Amino acid sequence: MNMTVTERAQEFIAKEGGVITVRIEKRLIPGCGKTQTADVAAVRVGEPQDYEKADYQSFKIDGVTVHAHSSVAEYNDQILLRIDTETNLFGQKLGMFGLPMPRQSCGDCTSC
């Protein structure tokens, strides 16, 4: 897997048990036209649910156990994915960076 885990993220993950789960999720994006979805990276601390484990590959990167969903496999060796921390109003959280940006069009309107 062509993925790195930054030092900040390694420290954060180590405090939370040393295991993360990564996947690409479909999320609704707001728009003034028809409802659309976009592929968004999701990273969380912990293992996947037991009923999901068949869809994940597990490996170690810099001491972190990573469970990567098959949705991430399509990016394998094509681009470098980076797991890092980011800060929001509620504190620190993990994020996966390096994925191509989703299309920004919301439909046929001219206000976008």
PDB file of N, CA and C in Angstrom:
ATOM      1  N   MET A   1       0.857  -1.175   0.000  1.00  0.00           N
ATOM      2  CA  MET A   1       0.000   0.000   0.000  1.00  0.00           C
ATOM      3  C   MET A   1       0.894   1.226   0.000  1.00  0.00           C
ATOM      4  N   ASN A   2       0.610   2.151  -0.860  1.00  0.00           N
ATOM      5  CA  ASN A   2       1.380   3.380  -0.985  1.00  0.00           C
ATOM      6  C   ASN A   2       0.789   4.428  -0.041  1.00  0.00           C
ATOM      7  N   MET A   3       1.107   4.274   1.259  1.00  0.00           N
ATOM      8  CA  MET A   3       0.517   5.120   2.288  1.00  0.00           C
ATOM      9  C   MET A   3       1.573   5.434   3.335  1.00  0.00           C
ATOM     10  N   THR A   4       1.538   6.652   3.854  1.00  0.00           N
ATOM     11  CA  THR A   4       2.412   7.024   4.952  1.00  0.00           C
ATOM     12  C   THR A   4       1.567   7.503   6.131  1.00  0.00           C
ATOM     13  N   VAL A   5       2.147   7.423   7.309  1.00  0.00           N
ATOM     14  CA  VAL A   5       1.504   7.915   8.523  1.00  0.00           C
ATOM     15  C   VAL A   5       2.470   8.917   9.141  1.00  0.00           C
ATOM     16  N   THR A   6       2.075  10.164   9.263  1.00  0.00           N
ATOM     17  CA  THR A   6       2.962  11.193   9.796  1.00  0.00           C
ATOM     18  C   THR A   6       3.274  10.917  11.266  1.00  0.00           C
ATOM     19  N   GLU A   7       4.322  11.544  11.763  1.00  0.00           N
ATOM     20  CA  GLU A   7       4.694  11.371  13.170  1.00  0.00           C
ATOM     21  C   GLU A   7       3.583  11.825  14.105  1.00  0.00           C
ATOM     22  N   ARG A   8       2.956  12.958  13.777  1.00  0.00           N
ATOM     23  CA  ARG A   8       1.838  13.445  14.611  1.00  0.00           C
ATOM     24  C   ARG A   8       0.730  12.413  14.691  1.00  0.00           C
ATOM     25  N   ALA A   9       0.400  11.832  13.530  1.00  0.00           N
ATOM     26  CA  ALA A   9      -0.661  10.828  13.498  1.00  0.00           C
ATOM     27  C   ALA A   9      -0.239   9.567  14.247  1.00  0.00           C
ATOM     28  N   GLN A  10       1.022   9.177  14.118  1.00  0.00           N
ATOM     29  CA  GLN A  10       1.509   7.995  14.838  1.00  0.00           C
ATOM     30  C   GLN A  10       1.335   8.174  16.341  1.00  0.00           C
ATOM     31  N   GLU A  11       1.685   9.349  16.843  1.00  0.00           N
ATOM     32  CA  GLU A  11       1.542   9.623  18.281  1.00  0.00           C
ATOM     33  C   GLU A  11       0.074   9.585  18.703  1.00  0.00           C
ATOM     34  N   PHE A  12      -0.785  10.199  17.909  1.00  0.00           N
ATOM     35  CA  PHE A  12      -2.219  10.226  18.196  1.00  0.00           C
ATOM     36  C   PHE A  12      -2.789   8.799  18.211  1.00  0.00           C
ATOM     37  N   ILE A  13      -2.440   8.018  17.196  1.00  0.00           N
ATOM     38  CA  ILE A  13      -2.955   6.651  17.068  1.00  0.00           C
ATOM     39  C   ILE A  13      -2.427   5.775  18.198  1.00  0.00           C
ATOM     40  N   ALA A  14      -1.157   5.950  18.566  1.00  0.00           N
ATOM     41  CA  ALA A  14      -0.581   5.155  19.653  1.00  0.00           C
ATOM     42  C   ALA A  14      -1.333   5.380  20.961  1.00  0.00           C
ATOM     43  N   LYS A  15      -1.740   6.614  21.224  1.00  0.00           N
ATOM     44  CA  LYS A  15      -2.501   6.920  22.445  1.00  0.00           C
ATOM     45  C   LYS A  15      -3.879   6.268  22.427  1.00  0.00           C
ATOM     46  N   GLU A  16      -4.393   5.993  21.227  1.00  0.00           N
ATOM     47  CA  GLU A  16      -5.741   5.440  21.075  1.00  0.00           C
ATOM     48  C   GLU A  16      -5.752   3.936  20.824  1.00  0.00           C
ATOM     49  N   GLY A  17      -4.587   3.278  20.934  1.00  0.00           N
ATOM     50  CA  GLY A  17      -4.560   1.820  20.788  1.00  0.00           C
ATOM     51  C   GLY A  17      -3.734   1.289  19.630  1.00  0.00           C
ATOM     52  N   GLY A  18      -3.264   2.154  18.740  1.00  0.00           N
ATOM     53  CA  GLY A  18      -2.351   1.728  17.682  1.00  0.00           C
ATOM     54  C   GLY A  18      -2.987   1.111  16.450  1.00  0.00           C
ATOM     55  N   VAL A  19      -4.315   1.183  16.304  1.00  0.00           N
ATOM     56  CA  VAL A  19      -5.010   0.559  15.175  1.00  0.00           C
ATOM     57  C   VAL A  19      -5.954   1.578  14.537  1.00  0.00           C
ATOM     58  N   ILE A  20      -5.947   1.642  13.190  1.00  0.00           N
ATOM     59  CA  ILE A  20      -6.890   2.514  12.480  1.00  0.00           C
ATOM     60  C   ILE A  20      -7.576   1.749  11.358  1.00  0.00           C
ATOM     61  N   THR A  21      -8.722   2.278  10.938  1.00  0.00           N
ATOM     62  CA  THR A  21      -9.479   1.752   9.812  1.00  0.00           C
ATOM     63  C   THR A  21      -9.654   2.880   8.812  1.00  0.00           C
ATOM     64  N   VAL A  22      -9.340   2.593   7.529  1.00  0.00           N
ATOM     65  CA  VAL A  22      -9.486   3.604   6.478  1.00  0.00           C
ATOM     66  C   VAL A  22     -10.403   3.056   5.384  1.00  0.00           C
ATOM     67  N   ARG A  23     -11.206   3.947   4.833  1.00  0.00           N
ATOM     68  CA  ARG A  23     -12.099   3.565   3.741  1.00  0.00           C
ATOM     69  C   ARG A  23     -12.515   4.814   2.978  1.00  0.00           C
ATOM     70  N   ILE A  24     -13.106   4.604   1.809  1.00  0.00           N
ATOM     71  CA  ILE A  24     -13.684   5.682   1.024  1.00  0.00           C
ATOM     72  C   ILE A  24     -15.197   5.536   1.156  1.00  0.00           C
ATOM     73  N   GLU A  25     -15.856   6.603   1.610  1.00  0.00           N
ATOM     74  CA  GLU A  25     -17.302   6.572   1.803  1.00  0.00           C
ATOM     75  C   GLU A  25     -17.984   7.499   0.815  1.00  0.00           C
ATOM     76  N   LYS A  26     -19.198   7.164   0.473  1.00  0.00           N
ATOM     77  CA  LYS A  26     -20.035   8.047  -0.340  1.00  0.00           C
ATOM     78  C   LYS A  26     -20.765   8.982   0.616  1.00  0.00           C
ATOM     79  N   ARG A  27     -20.645  10.277   0.401  1.00  0.00           N
ATOM     80  CA  ARG A  27     -21.332  11.264   1.234  1.00  0.00           C
ATOM     81  C   ARG A  27     -22.162  12.174   0.340  1.00  0.00           C
ATOM     82  N   LEU A  28     -23.305  12.582   0.856  1.00  0.00           N
ATOM     83  CA  LEU A  28     -24.131  13.534   0.123  1.00  0.00           C
ATOM     84  C   LEU A  28     -23.442  14.886   0.094  1.00  0.00           C
ATOM     85  N   ILE A  29     -23.490  15.538  -1.042  1.00  0.00           N
ATOM     86  CA  ILE A  29     -22.946  16.886  -1.142  1.00  0.00           C
ATOM     87  C   ILE A  29     -24.102  17.840  -1.429  1.00  0.00           C
ATOM     88  N   PRO A  30     -24.085  19.004  -0.793  1.00  0.00           N
ATOM     89  CA  PRO A  30     -25.189  19.949  -0.994  1.00  0.00           C
ATOM     90  C   PRO A  30     -25.149  20.531  -2.394  1.00  0.00           C
ATOM     91  N   GLY A  31     -26.300  20.845  -2.889  1.00  0.00           N
ATOM     92  CA  GLY A  31     -26.381  21.461  -4.201  1.00  0.00           C
ATOM     93  C   GLY A  31     -27.772  22.001  -4.432  1.00  0.00           C
ATOM     94  N   CYS A  32     -27.904  22.762  -5.465  1.00  0.00           N
ATOM     95  CA  CYS A  32     -29.210  23.349  -5.754  1.00  0.00           C
ATOM     96  C   CYS A  32     -29.956  22.549  -6.811  1.00  0.00           C
ATOM     97  N   GLY A  33     -29.344  21.507  -7.289  1.00  0.00           N
ATOM     98  CA  GLY A  33     -29.988  20.656  -8.282  1.00  0.00           C
ATOM     99  C   GLY A  33     -30.277  19.300  -7.682  1.00  0.00           C
ATOM    100  N   LYS A  34     -30.051  18.266  -8.453  1.00  0.00           N
ATOM    101  CA  LYS A  34     -30.319  16.913  -7.982  1.00  0.00           C
ATOM    102  C   LYS A  34     -29.327  16.513  -6.888  1.00  0.00           C
ATOM    103  N   THR A  35     -29.705  15.553  -6.084  1.00  0.00           N
ATOM    104  CA  THR A  35     -28.842  15.061  -5.013  1.00  0.00           C
ATOM    105  C   THR A  35     -27.654  14.330  -5.612  1.00  0.00           C
ATOM    106  N   GLN A  36     -26.453  14.644  -5.125  1.00  0.00           N
ATOM    107  CA  GLN A  36     -25.245  13.995  -5.616  1.00  0.00           C
ATOM    108  C   GLN A  36     -24.427  13.491  -4.447  1.00  0.00           C
ATOM    109  N   THR A  37     -23.533  12.555  -4.754  1.00  0.00           N
ATOM    110  CA  THR A  37     -22.622  12.039  -3.741  1.00  0.00           C
ATOM    111  C   THR A  37     -21.195  12.267  -4.209  1.00  0.00           C
ATOM    112  N   ALA A  38     -20.288  12.237  -3.239  1.00  0.00           N
ATOM    113  CA  ALA A  38     -18.863  12.364  -3.539  1.00  0.00           C
ATOM    114  C   ALA A  38     -18.111  11.328  -2.715  1.00  0.00           C
ATOM    115  N   ASP A  39     -16.976  10.876  -3.245  1.00  0.00           N
ATOM    116  CA  ASP A  39     -16.117   9.964  -2.504  1.00  0.00           C
ATOM    117  C   ASP A  39     -15.305  10.768  -1.506  1.00  0.00           C
ATOM    118  N   VAL A  40     -15.392  10.398  -0.227  1.00  0.00           N
ATOM    119  CA  VAL A  40     -14.709  11.105   0.843  1.00  0.00           C
ATOM    120  C   VAL A  40     -13.938  10.091   1.675  1.00  0.00           C
ATOM    121  N   ALA A  41     -12.699  10.436   2.011  1.00  0.00           N
ATOM    122  CA  ALA A  41     -11.883   9.547   2.842  1.00  0.00           C
ATOM    123  C   ALA A  41     -12.388   9.566   4.280  1.00  0.00           C
ATOM    124  N   ALA A  42     -12.421   8.393   4.889  1.00  0.00           N
ATOM    125  CA  ALA A  42     -12.829   8.277   6.293  1.00  0.00           C
ATOM    126  C   ALA A  42     -11.766   7.471   7.033  1.00  0.00           C
ATOM    127  N   VAL A  43     -11.255   8.042   8.111  1.00  0.00           N
ATOM    128  CA  VAL A  43     -10.260   7.372   8.944  1.00  0.00           C
ATOM    129  C   VAL A  43     -10.777   7.389  10.369  1.00  0.00           C
ATOM    130  N   ARG A  44     -10.754   6.233  11.010  1.00  0.00           N
ATOM    131  CA  ARG A  44     -11.166   6.191  12.406  1.00  0.00           C
ATOM    132  C   ARG A  44     -10.239   5.273  13.173  1.00  0.00           C
ATOM    133  N   VAL A  45     -10.150   5.512  14.456  1.00  0.00           N
ATOM    134  CA  VAL A  45      -9.329   4.687  15.330  1.00  0.00           C
ATOM    135  C   VAL A  45     -10.102   3.405  15.623  1.00  0.00           C
ATOM    136  N   GLY A  46      -9.400   2.282  15.606  1.00  0.00           N
ATOM    137  CA  GLY A  46     -10.026   1.008  15.929  1.00  0.00           C
ATOM    138  C   GLY A  46     -10.098   0.081  14.733  1.00  0.00           C
ATOM    139  N   GLU A  47     -10.605  -1.108  14.999  1.00  0.00           N
ATOM    140  CA  GLU A  47     -10.740  -2.133  13.971  1.00  0.00           C
ATOM    141  C   GLU A  47     -12.108  -2.055  13.314  1.00  0.00           C
ATOM    142  N   PRO A  48     -12.216  -2.629  12.095  1.00  0.00           N
ATOM    143  CA  PRO A  48     -13.537  -2.675  11.471  1.00  0.00           C
ATOM    144  C   PRO A  48     -14.450  -3.624  12.246  1.00  0.00           C
ATOM    145  N   GLN A  49     -15.740  -3.485  12.041  1.00  0.00           N
ATOM    146  CA  GLN A  49     -16.699  -4.383  12.661  1.00  0.00           C
ATOM    147  C   GLN A  49     -16.461  -5.808  12.156  1.00  0.00           C
ATOM    148  N   ASP A  50     -16.798  -6.793  12.967  1.00  0.00           N
ATOM    149  CA  ASP A  50     -16.565  -8.190  12.600  1.00  0.00           C
ATOM    150  C   ASP A  50     -17.211  -8.557  11.262  1.00  0.00           C
ATOM    151  N   TYR A  51     -18.419  -8.079  11.018  1.00  0.00           N
ATOM    152  CA  TYR A  51     -19.105  -8.433   9.782  1.00  0.00           C
ATOM    153  C   TYR A  51     -18.483  -7.771   8.547  1.00  0.00           C
ATOM    154  N   GLU A  52     -17.605  -6.772   8.737  1.00  0.00           N
ATOM    155  CA  GLU A  52     -16.958  -6.066   7.628  1.00  0.00           C
ATOM    156  C   GLU A  52     -15.556  -6.586   7.320  1.00  0.00           C
ATOM    157  N   LYS A  53     -14.965  -7.355   8.207  1.00  0.00           N
ATOM    158  CA  LYS A  53     -13.541  -7.682   8.109  1.00  0.00           C
ATOM    159  C   LYS A  53     -13.136  -8.342   6.791  1.00  0.00           C
ATOM    160  N   ALA A  54     -14.048  -9.043   6.135  1.00  0.00           N
ATOM    161  CA  ALA A  54     -13.708  -9.691   4.859  1.00  0.00           C
ATOM    162  C   ALA A  54     -13.377  -8.666   3.774  1.00  0.00           C
ATOM    163  N   ASP A  55     -13.853  -7.441   3.917  1.00  0.00           N
ATOM    164  CA  ASP A  55     -13.622  -6.395   2.918  1.00  0.00           C
ATOM    165  C   ASP A  55     -12.360  -5.581   3.174  1.00  0.00           C
ATOM    166  N   TYR A  56     -11.572  -5.958   4.180  1.00  0.00           N
ATOM    167  CA  TYR A  56     -10.386  -5.187   4.580  1.00  0.00           C
ATOM    168  C   TYR A  56      -9.108  -6.004   4.443  1.00  0.00           C
ATOM    169  N   GLN A  57      -8.025  -5.297   4.102  1.00  0.00           N
ATOM    170  CA  GLN A  57      -6.673  -5.844   4.159  1.00  0.00           C
ATOM    171  C   GLN A  57      -5.983  -5.180   5.341  1.00  0.00           C
ATOM    172  N   SER A  58      -5.168  -5.948   6.060  1.00  0.00           N
ATOM    173  CA  SER A  58      -4.466  -5.391   7.217  1.00  0.00           C
ATOM    174  C   SER A  58      -2.968  -5.414   6.966  1.00  0.00           C
ATOM    175  N   PHE A  59      -2.285  -4.362   7.390  1.00  0.00           N
ATOM    176  CA  PHE A  59      -0.829  -4.281   7.287  1.00  0.00           C
ATOM    177  C   PHE A  59      -0.328  -3.274   8.296  1.00  0.00           C
ATOM    178  N   LYS A  60       0.978  -3.228   8.483  1.00  0.00           N
ATOM    179  CA  LYS A  60       1.607  -2.294   9.429  1.00  0.00           C
ATOM    180  C   LYS A  60       2.370  -1.230   8.668  1.00  0.00           C
ATOM    181  N   ILE A  61       2.224   0.006   9.126  1.00  0.00           N
ATOM    182  CA  ILE A  61       2.999   1.125   8.599  1.00  0.00           C
ATOM    183  C   ILE A  61       3.539   1.885   9.801  1.00  0.00           C
ATOM    184  N   ASP A  62       4.855   1.935   9.933  1.00  0.00           N
ATOM    185  CA  ASP A  62       5.505   2.702  11.007  1.00  0.00           C
ATOM    186  C   ASP A  62       4.919   2.393  12.382  1.00  0.00           C
ATOM    187  N   GLY A  63       4.658   1.129  12.649  1.00  0.00           N
ATOM    188  CA  GLY A  63       4.155   0.726  13.953  1.00  0.00           C
ATOM    189  C   GLY A  63       2.657   0.843  14.133  1.00  0.00           C
ATOM    190  N   VAL A  64       1.950   1.303  13.112  1.00  0.00           N
ATOM    191  CA  VAL A  64       0.496   1.454  13.169  1.00  0.00           C
ATOM    192  C   VAL A  64      -0.137   0.313  12.377  1.00  0.00           C
ATOM    193  N   THR A  65      -1.092  -0.380  12.974  1.00  0.00           N
ATOM    194  CA  THR A  65      -1.848  -1.397  12.246  1.00  0.00           C
ATOM    195  C   THR A  65      -2.955  -0.692  11.477  1.00  0.00           C
ATOM    196  N   VAL A  66      -2.940  -0.872  10.151  1.00  0.00           N
ATOM    197  CA  VAL A  66      -3.900  -0.217   9.268  1.00  0.00           C
ATOM    198  C   VAL A  66      -4.798  -1.277   8.653  1.00  0.00           C
ATOM    199  N   HIS A  67      -6.103  -1.090   8.800  1.00  0.00           N
ATOM    200  CA  HIS A  67      -7.092  -1.927   8.127  1.00  0.00           C
ATOM    201  C   HIS A  67      -7.640  -1.081   6.984  1.00  0.00           C
ATOM    202  N   ALA A  68      -7.311  -1.466   5.739  1.00  0.00           N
ATOM    203  CA  ALA A  68      -7.709  -0.682   4.566  1.00  0.00           C
ATOM    204  C   ALA A  68      -8.836  -1.393   3.824  1.00  0.00           C
ATOM    205  N   HIS A  69      -9.933  -0.702   3.640  1.00  0.00           N
ATOM    206  CA  HIS A  69     -11.099  -1.231   2.925  1.00  0.00           C
ATOM    207  C   HIS A  69     -10.758  -1.403   1.446  1.00  0.00           C
ATOM    208  N   SER A  70     -11.469  -2.291   0.785  1.00  0.00           N
ATOM    209  CA  SER A  70     -11.238  -2.520  -0.643  1.00  0.00           C
ATOM    210  C   SER A  70     -11.463  -1.250  -1.461  1.00  0.00           C
ATOM    211  N   SER A  71     -12.238  -0.289  -0.951  1.00  0.00           N
ATOM    212  CA  SER A  71     -12.444   0.979  -1.658  1.00  0.00           C
ATOM    213  C   SER A  71     -11.164   1.804  -1.740  1.00  0.00           C
ATOM    214  N   VAL A  72     -10.226   1.561  -0.837  1.00  0.00           N
ATOM    215  CA  VAL A  72      -8.941   2.265  -0.860  1.00  0.00           C
ATOM    216  C   VAL A  72      -7.974   1.558  -1.804  1.00  0.00           C
ATOM    217  N   ALA A  73      -8.191   0.266  -2.040  1.00  0.00           N
ATOM    218  CA  ALA A  73      -7.272  -0.525  -2.866  1.00  0.00           C
ATOM    219  C   ALA A  73      -7.167   0.008  -4.285  1.00  0.00           C
ATOM    220  N   GLU A  74      -8.213   0.652  -4.812  1.00  0.00           N
ATOM    221  CA  GLU A  74      -8.138   1.164  -6.177  1.00  0.00           C
ATOM    222  C   GLU A  74      -7.084   2.265  -6.320  1.00  0.00           C
ATOM    223  N   TYR A  75      -6.705   2.884  -5.217  1.00  0.00           N
ATOM    224  CA  TYR A  75      -5.665   3.911  -5.248  1.00  0.00           C
ATOM    225  C   TYR A  75      -4.285   3.336  -4.966  1.00  0.00           C
ATOM    226  N   ASN A  76      -4.208   2.029  -4.689  1.00  0.00           N
ATOM    227  CA  ASN A  76      -2.955   1.387  -4.316  1.00  0.00           C
ATOM    228  C   ASN A  76      -1.888   1.617  -5.383  1.00  0.00           C
ATOM    229  N   ASP A  77      -0.767   2.154  -4.969  1.00  0.00           N
ATOM    230  CA  ASP A  77       0.411   2.395  -5.802  1.00  0.00           C
ATOM    231  C   ASP A  77       0.192   3.423  -6.913  1.00  0.00           C
ATOM    232  N   GLN A  78      -0.988   4.038  -6.996  1.00  0.00           N
ATOM    233  CA  GLN A  78      -1.205   5.074  -7.996  1.00  0.00           C
ATOM    234  C   GLN A  78      -0.814   6.441  -7.455  1.00  0.00           C
ATOM    235  N   ILE A  79      -1.201   6.710  -6.217  1.00  0.00           N
ATOM    236  CA  ILE A  79      -0.887   7.984  -5.580  1.00  0.00           C
ATOM    237  C   ILE A  79      -0.475   7.709  -4.140  1.00  0.00           C
ATOM    238  N   LEU A  80       0.269   8.621  -3.571  1.00  0.00           N
ATOM    239  CA  LEU A  80       0.681   8.490  -2.185  1.00  0.00           C
ATOM    240  C   LEU A  80      -0.425   9.023  -1.283  1.00  0.00           C
ATOM    241  N   LEU A  81      -0.949   8.161  -0.426  1.00  0.00           N
ATOM    242  CA  LEU A  81      -1.951   8.565   0.543  1.00  0.00           C
ATOM    243  C   LEU A  81      -1.248   8.844   1.863  1.00  0.00           C
ATOM    244  N   ARG A  82      -1.672   9.882   2.561  1.00  0.00           N
ATOM    245  CA  ARG A  82      -1.024  10.287   3.805  1.00  0.00           C
ATOM    246  C   ARG A  82      -2.062  10.376   4.914  1.00  0.00           C
ATOM    247  N   ILE A  83      -1.792   9.676   6.011  1.00  0.00           N
ATOM    248  CA  ILE A  83      -2.633   9.771   7.198  1.00  0.00           C
ATOM    249  C   ILE A  83      -1.999  10.817   8.105  1.00  0.00           C
ATOM    250  N   ASP A  84      -2.782  11.808   8.504  1.00  0.00           N
ATOM    251  CA  ASP A  84      -2.272  12.890   9.339  1.00  0.00           C
ATOM    252  C   ASP A  84      -3.393  13.332  10.280  1.00  0.00           C
ATOM    253  N   THR A  85      -3.053  14.184  11.208  1.00  0.00           N
ATOM    254  CA  THR A  85      -4.060  14.743  12.102  1.00  0.00           C
ATOM    255  C   THR A  85      -4.480  16.109  11.594  1.00  0.00           C
ATOM    256  N   GLU A  86      -5.681  16.494  11.945  1.00  0.00           N
ATOM    257  CA  GLU A  86      -6.160  17.832  11.671  1.00  0.00           C
ATOM    258  C   GLU A  86      -6.932  18.291  12.893  1.00  0.00           C
ATOM    259  N   THR A  87      -7.006  19.576  13.071  1.00  0.00           N
ATOM    260  CA  THR A  87      -7.660  20.138  14.246  1.00  0.00           C
ATOM    261  C   THR A  87      -8.940  20.850  13.833  1.00  0.00           C
ATOM    262  N   ASN A  88      -9.992  20.601  14.603  1.00  0.00           N
ATOM    263  CA  ASN A  88     -11.244  21.315  14.381  1.00  0.00           C
ATOM    264  C   ASN A  88     -11.723  21.856  15.719  1.00  0.00           C
ATOM    265  N   LEU A  89     -12.933  22.345  15.787  1.00  0.00           N
ATOM    266  CA  LEU A  89     -13.454  22.929  17.023  1.00  0.00           C
ATOM    267  C   LEU A  89     -13.525  21.932  18.178  1.00  0.00           C
ATOM    268  N   PHE A  90     -13.593  20.654  17.861  1.00  0.00           N
ATOM    269  CA  PHE A  90     -13.755  19.631  18.890  1.00  0.00           C
ATOM    270  C   PHE A  90     -12.454  18.944  19.259  1.00  0.00           C
ATOM    271  N   GLY A  91     -11.327  19.366  18.710  1.00  0.00           N
ATOM    272  CA  GLY A  91     -10.029  18.771  19.019  1.00  0.00           C
ATOM    273  C   GLY A  91      -9.383  18.178  17.780  1.00  0.00           C
ATOM    274  N   GLN A  92      -8.521  17.202  18.004  1.00  0.00           N
ATOM    275  CA  GLN A  92      -7.812  16.568  16.895  1.00  0.00           C
ATOM    276  C   GLN A  92      -8.591  15.380  16.368  1.00  0.00           C
ATOM    277  N   LYS A  93      -8.428  15.143  15.064  1.00  0.00           N
ATOM    278  CA  LYS A  93      -8.970  13.946  14.445  1.00  0.00           C
ATOM    279  C   LYS A  93      -8.040  13.524  13.326  1.00  0.00           C
ATOM    280  N   LEU A  94      -8.229  12.319  12.840  1.00  0.00           N
ATOM    281  CA  LEU A  94      -7.403  11.795  11.768  1.00  0.00           C
ATOM    282  C   LEU A  94      -8.023  12.097  10.418  1.00  0.00           C
ATOM    283  N   GLY A  95      -7.176  12.239   9.416  1.00  0.00           N
ATOM    284  CA  GLY A  95      -7.644  12.442   8.051  1.00  0.00           C
ATOM    285  C   GLY A  95      -6.718  11.744   7.079  1.00  0.00           C
ATOM    286  N   MET A  96      -7.247  11.400   5.915  1.00  0.00           N
ATOM    287  CA  MET A  96      -6.439  10.809   4.845  1.00  0.00           C
ATOM    288  C   MET A  96      -6.368  11.824   3.720  1.00  0.00           C
ATOM    289  N   PHE A  97      -5.166  12.139   3.303  1.00  0.00           N
ATOM    290  CA  PHE A  97      -4.929  13.180   2.318  1.00  0.00           C
ATOM    291  C   PHE A  97      -4.228  12.601   1.102  1.00  0.00           C
ATOM    292  N   GLY A  98      -4.446  13.223  -0.047  1.00  0.00           N
ATOM    293  CA  GLY A  98      -3.803  12.795  -1.283  1.00  0.00           C
ATOM    294  C   GLY A  98      -4.780  12.272  -2.318  1.00  0.00           C
ATOM    295  N   LEU A  99      -6.033  12.083  -1.925  1.00  0.00           N
ATOM    296  CA  LEU A  99      -7.033  11.613  -2.881  1.00  0.00           C
ATOM    297  C   LEU A  99      -7.373  12.728  -3.858  1.00  0.00           C
ATOM    298  N   PRO A 100      -7.741  12.375  -5.085  1.00  0.00           N
ATOM    299  CA  PRO A 100      -8.163  13.419  -6.027  1.00  0.00           C
ATOM    300  C   PRO A 100      -9.410  14.128  -5.506  1.00  0.00           C
ATOM    301  N   MET A 101      -9.535  15.403  -5.779  1.00  0.00           N
ATOM    302  CA  MET A 101     -10.695  16.177  -5.357  1.00  0.00           C
ATOM    303  C   MET A 101     -11.918  15.715  -6.139  1.00  0.00           C
ATOM    304  N   PRO A 102     -13.069  15.574  -5.450  1.00  0.00           N
ATOM    305  CA  PRO A 102     -14.297  15.217  -6.177  1.00  0.00           C
ATOM    306  C   PRO A 102     -14.758  16.377  -7.041  1.00  0.00           C
ATOM    307  N   ARG A 103     -15.562  16.057  -8.043  1.00  0.00           N
ATOM    308  CA  ARG A 103     -16.130  17.099  -8.889  1.00  0.00           C
ATOM    309  C   ARG A 103     -16.895  18.090  -8.035  1.00  0.00           C
ATOM    310  N   GLN A 104     -16.825  19.354  -8.357  1.00  0.00           N
ATOM    311  CA  GLN A 104     -17.450  20.392  -7.552  1.00  0.00           C
ATOM    312  C   GLN A 104     -18.766  20.893  -8.149  1.00  0.00           C
ATOM    313  N   SER A 105     -19.212  20.314  -9.233  1.00  0.00           N
ATOM    314  CA  SER A 105     -20.462  20.760  -9.850  1.00  0.00           C
ATOM    315  C   SER A 105     -21.653  20.143  -9.136  1.00  0.00           C
ATOM    316  N   CYS A 106     -22.698  20.927  -8.912  1.00  0.00           N
ATOM    317  CA  CYS A 106     -23.877  20.410  -8.238  1.00  0.00           C
ATOM    318  C   CYS A 106     -25.041  20.207  -9.201  1.00  0.00           C
ATOM    319  N   GLY A 107     -24.858  20.439 -10.440  1.00  0.00           N
ATOM    320  CA  GLY A 107     -25.952  20.232 -11.395  1.00  0.00           C
ATOM    321  C   GLY A 107     -25.883  21.185 -12.563  1.00  0.00           C
ATOM    322  N   ASP A 108     -27.038  21.529 -13.051  1.00  0.00           N
ATOM    323  CA  ASP A 108     -27.142  22.333 -14.278  1.00  0.00           C
ATOM    324  C   ASP A 108     -27.297  23.828 -14.016  1.00  0.00           C
ATOM    325  N   CYS A 109     -27.285  24.250 -12.766  1.00  0.00           N
ATOM    326  CA  CYS A 109     -27.512  25.666 -12.477  1.00  0.00           C
ATOM    327  C   CYS A 109     -26.293  26.492 -12.860  1.00  0.00           C
ATOM    328  N   THR A 110     -26.433  27.789 -12.854  1.00  0.00           N
ATOM    329  CA  THR A 110     -25.325  28.673 -13.205  1.00  0.00           C
ATOM    330  C   THR A 110     -24.762  29.408 -11.998  1.00  0.00           C
ATOM    331  N   SER A 111     -25.279  29.135 -10.800  1.00  0.00           N
ATOM    332  CA  SER A 111     -24.809  29.873  -9.623  1.00  0.00           C
ATOM    333  C   SER A 111     -23.583  29.247  -8.971  1.00  0.00           C
ATOM    334  N   CYS A 112     -23.140  28.112  -9.426  1.00  0.00           N
ATOM    335  CA  CYS A 112     -21.942  27.468  -8.841  1.00  0.00           C
ATOM    336  C   CYS A 112     -20.676  27.947  -9.487  1.00  0.00           C
TER     337      CYS A 112
END
